[in-house]
Amino acid sequence: MSGPSLYNHFRTKDEILEAVADSVSALVDLSMFEDARDWRTALHEWAVSYRAALRDHPNIVPVLARGPGRRPAALRLADAVYGAMVEAGWPPAQATSVGALMRYFIMGSALGSFAGGFVDDASAYDPADYPHLGQAHLLAEQQEKIDERAFEAGLTALLDGLALQYEQARATT
């Protein structure tokens, strides 16, 4: 399909971007919210699926970051997360915060690569200026592994913190 022929189906560039964003949202697996998985396991599996979709389509992340708008797949995603948290016993206001927090974390992790931000030129990291970056030029070649490990570490820390909040919320009800 040529660029101009897209405008036979969409009136504006924004409509095209919204359609692409919704198709990426539709790639996110939501099945973990449809069975008996506990909220923490479901959030973990959903976050991994969501991040994978964003990693495969990084140029659409800024559009997705604006929120679901009227995109059906994005609204189903928000509904699934919120509904699962409320059904698990999260108070509605906290369920909203959990969904927002998870989106912030996942979107942020998809916006760029920590390891990919370092050039693979050892001379860029003069020990006189950067005494602790002597191996930084090697980070780019390990980009995927480093970024995946960082995402998992952050996700675990985030879920650990949410588990504490969940127990506190349950104790006060």
Protein backbone atom coordinates (compact mmCIF):
# COMPACT_ATOMS: atom_id res chain seq x y z
CA MET A 1 0.00 0.00 0.00
CA SER A 2 1.37 3.42 -0.86
CA GLY A 3 1.35 6.36 1.54
CA PRO A 4 -1.26 8.40 -0.35
CA SER A 5 -3.63 5.43 -0.60
CA LEU A 6 -3.77 5.29 3.22
CA TYR A 7 -5.76 8.50 3.09
CA ASN A 8 -8.53 6.60 1.29
CA HIS A 9 -9.06 4.86 4.66
CA PHE A 10 -7.97 7.53 7.13
CA ARG A 11 -8.62 11.26 7.06
CA THR A 12 -5.50 12.35 8.94
CA LYS A 13 -2.06 11.24 10.02
CA ASP A 14 -3.34 11.16 13.62
CA GLU A 15 -6.03 8.64 12.63
CA ILE A 16 -3.33 6.44 11.09
CA LEU A 17 -1.20 6.66 14.23
CA GLU A 18 -4.21 5.86 16.43
CA ALA A 19 -4.97 2.77 14.31
CA VAL A 20 -1.37 1.59 14.50
CA ALA A 21 -1.29 2.23 18.25
CA ASP A 22 -4.45 0.21 18.72
CA SER A 23 -3.08 -2.66 16.64
CA VAL A 24 0.02 -2.73 18.87
CA SER A 25 -2.18 -2.69 21.98
CA ALA A 26 -4.04 -5.68 20.54
CA LEU A 27 -0.75 -7.64 20.56
CA VAL A 28 -0.60 -7.56 24.36
CA ASP A 29 -1.70 -10.84 25.92
CA LEU A 30 -4.54 -10.40 28.40
CA SER A 31 -5.28 -14.08 29.02
CA MET A 32 -3.57 -13.96 32.42
CA PHE A 33 -6.47 -11.84 33.68
CA GLU A 34 -9.07 -14.34 32.51
CA ASP A 35 -8.12 -17.31 34.68
CA ALA A 36 -7.33 -17.92 38.33
CA ARG A 37 -3.81 -16.47 38.42
CA ASP A 38 -3.06 -14.30 41.42
CA TRP A 39 -2.82 -10.55 40.79
CA ARG A 40 0.98 -10.43 41.13
CA THR A 41 1.61 -13.25 38.64
CA ALA A 42 -0.93 -11.77 36.24
CA LEU A 43 0.66 -8.31 36.42
CA HIS A 44 4.11 -9.78 35.87
CA GLU A 45 3.06 -11.78 32.82
CA TRP A 46 1.09 -8.85 31.42
CA ALA A 47 4.03 -6.47 31.90
CA VAL A 48 6.36 -8.83 30.03
CA SER A 49 3.87 -9.18 27.17
CA TYR A 50 3.21 -5.44 27.02
CA ARG A 51 6.91 -4.60 27.02
CA ALA A 52 7.56 -7.14 24.26
CA ALA A 53 4.91 -5.50 22.07
CA LEU A 54 6.42 -2.07 22.71
CA ARG A 55 9.98 -3.30 22.18
CA ASP A 56 8.94 -4.67 18.78
CA HIS A 57 7.24 -1.36 17.86
CA PRO A 58 9.22 1.38 19.64
CA ASN A 59 8.19 4.23 17.35
CA ILE A 60 4.56 4.01 18.47
CA VAL A 61 5.37 4.27 22.20
CA PRO A 62 4.90 8.07 22.33
CA VAL A 63 1.39 7.69 20.87
CA LEU A 64 0.53 4.90 23.31
CA ALA A 65 1.93 6.94 26.20
CA ARG A 66 -0.83 9.52 25.68
CA GLY A 67 -3.33 6.99 27.03
CA PRO A 68 -6.01 4.75 25.54
CA GLY A 69 -8.25 7.51 24.22
CA ARG A 70 -10.97 5.76 22.22
CA ARG A 71 -8.82 2.89 20.97
CA PRO A 72 -10.79 -0.35 21.56
CA ALA A 73 -7.80 -2.65 22.19
CA ALA A 74 -6.21 -0.12 24.54
CA LEU A 75 -9.48 0.26 26.44
CA ARG A 76 -9.81 -3.55 26.73
CA LEU A 77 -6.27 -3.60 28.12
CA ALA A 78 -7.06 -0.92 30.74
CA ASP A 79 -10.34 -2.64 31.62
CA ALA A 80 -8.64 -6.02 32.06
CA VAL A 81 -5.95 -4.67 34.39
CA TYR A 82 -8.31 -2.54 36.46
CA GLY A 83 -10.93 -5.28 36.67
CA ALA A 84 -8.41 -7.90 37.74
CA MET A 85 -7.00 -5.66 40.46
CA VAL A 86 -10.45 -4.84 41.87
CA GLU A 87 -11.47 -8.51 41.73
CA ALA A 88 -8.25 -9.39 43.58
CA GLY A 89 -9.27 -7.09 46.42
CA TRP A 90 -7.50 -3.84 45.59
CA PRO A 91 -9.62 -0.80 46.50
CA PRO A 92 -10.75 0.89 43.26
CA ALA A 93 -8.61 4.01 43.72
CA GLN A 94 -5.52 1.89 44.35
CA ALA A 95 -6.38 -0.38 41.41
CA THR A 96 -6.32 2.72 39.21
CA SER A 97 -2.94 3.70 40.64
CA VAL A 98 -1.56 0.19 40.09
CA GLY A 99 -2.59 0.27 36.44
CA ALA A 100 -1.09 3.73 35.96
CA LEU A 101 2.14 2.80 37.75
CA MET A 102 2.56 -0.31 35.64
CA ARG A 103 1.99 1.66 32.43
CA TYR A 104 4.56 4.27 33.49
CA PHE A 105 7.14 1.60 34.21
CA ILE A 106 6.52 -0.41 31.05
CA MET A 107 6.37 2.64 28.76
CA GLY A 108 9.50 4.08 30.32
CA SER A 109 11.40 0.86 29.82
CA ALA A 110 10.37 0.83 26.17
CA LEU A 111 11.36 4.42 25.42
CA GLY A 112 15.05 3.71 25.25
CA SER A 113 17.90 1.44 26.09
CA PHE A 114 20.29 2.09 28.95
CA ALA A 115 23.03 -0.04 27.42
CA GLY A 116 22.36 1.24 23.90
CA GLY A 117 23.11 4.77 25.10
CA PHE A 118 26.81 4.02 25.41
CA VAL A 119 29.03 4.17 22.33
CA ASP A 120 31.23 1.19 21.51
CA ASP A 121 34.36 3.35 21.35
CA ALA A 122 36.64 2.82 24.37
CA SER A 123 38.33 6.19 23.77
CA ALA A 124 35.06 7.95 24.69
CA TYR A 125 35.57 6.89 28.30
CA ASP A 126 38.90 8.38 29.30
CA PRO A 127 39.74 7.01 32.78
CA ALA A 128 40.89 10.46 33.84
CA ASP A 129 37.37 11.77 33.28
CA TYR A 130 35.31 8.61 33.89
CA PRO A 131 37.24 6.32 36.22
CA HIS A 132 34.34 3.90 36.62
CA LEU A 133 33.35 3.55 32.96
CA GLY A 134 36.34 1.57 31.69
CA GLN A 135 34.09 -1.17 30.32
CA ALA A 136 31.19 1.04 29.17
CA HIS A 137 32.13 0.60 25.52
CA LEU A 138 31.15 -3.07 25.87
CA LEU A 139 27.59 -2.35 27.02
CA ALA A 140 26.12 -1.85 23.55
CA GLU A 141 26.97 -5.41 22.50
CA GLN A 142 25.11 -6.71 25.58
CA GLN A 143 22.19 -4.31 25.16
CA GLU A 144 19.32 -6.79 25.02
CA LYS A 145 20.58 -8.86 27.96
CA ILE A 146 21.26 -5.79 30.13
CA ASP A 147 17.93 -4.17 29.32
CA GLU A 148 15.98 -7.39 29.96
CA ARG A 149 17.78 -7.93 33.27
CA ALA A 150 17.11 -4.34 34.33
CA PHE A 151 13.44 -4.63 33.38
CA GLU A 152 13.03 -7.83 35.39
CA ALA A 153 14.85 -6.33 38.40
CA GLY A 154 12.66 -3.23 38.29
CA LEU A 155 9.49 -5.24 37.78
CA THR A 156 10.30 -7.49 40.72
CA ALA A 157 11.02 -4.49 42.95
CA LEU A 158 7.82 -2.82 41.83
CA LEU A 159 5.72 -5.93 42.46
CA ASP A 160 7.38 -6.46 45.85
CA GLY A 161 6.40 -2.93 46.82
CA LEU A 162 2.87 -3.42 45.55
CA ALA A 163 2.58 -6.66 47.53
CA LEU A 164 3.34 -4.70 50.71
CA GLN A 165 0.72 -2.10 49.82
CA TYR A 166 -1.77 -4.85 49.04
CA GLU A 167 -1.27 -6.45 52.46
CA GLN A 168 -1.67 -3.06 54.15
CA ALA A 169 -4.86 -2.35 52.21
CA ARG A 170 -6.24 -5.78 53.07
CA ALA A 171 -5.41 -5.29 56.76
CA THR A 172 -7.36 -2.03 56.94
CA THR A 173 -10.55 -3.36 55.34
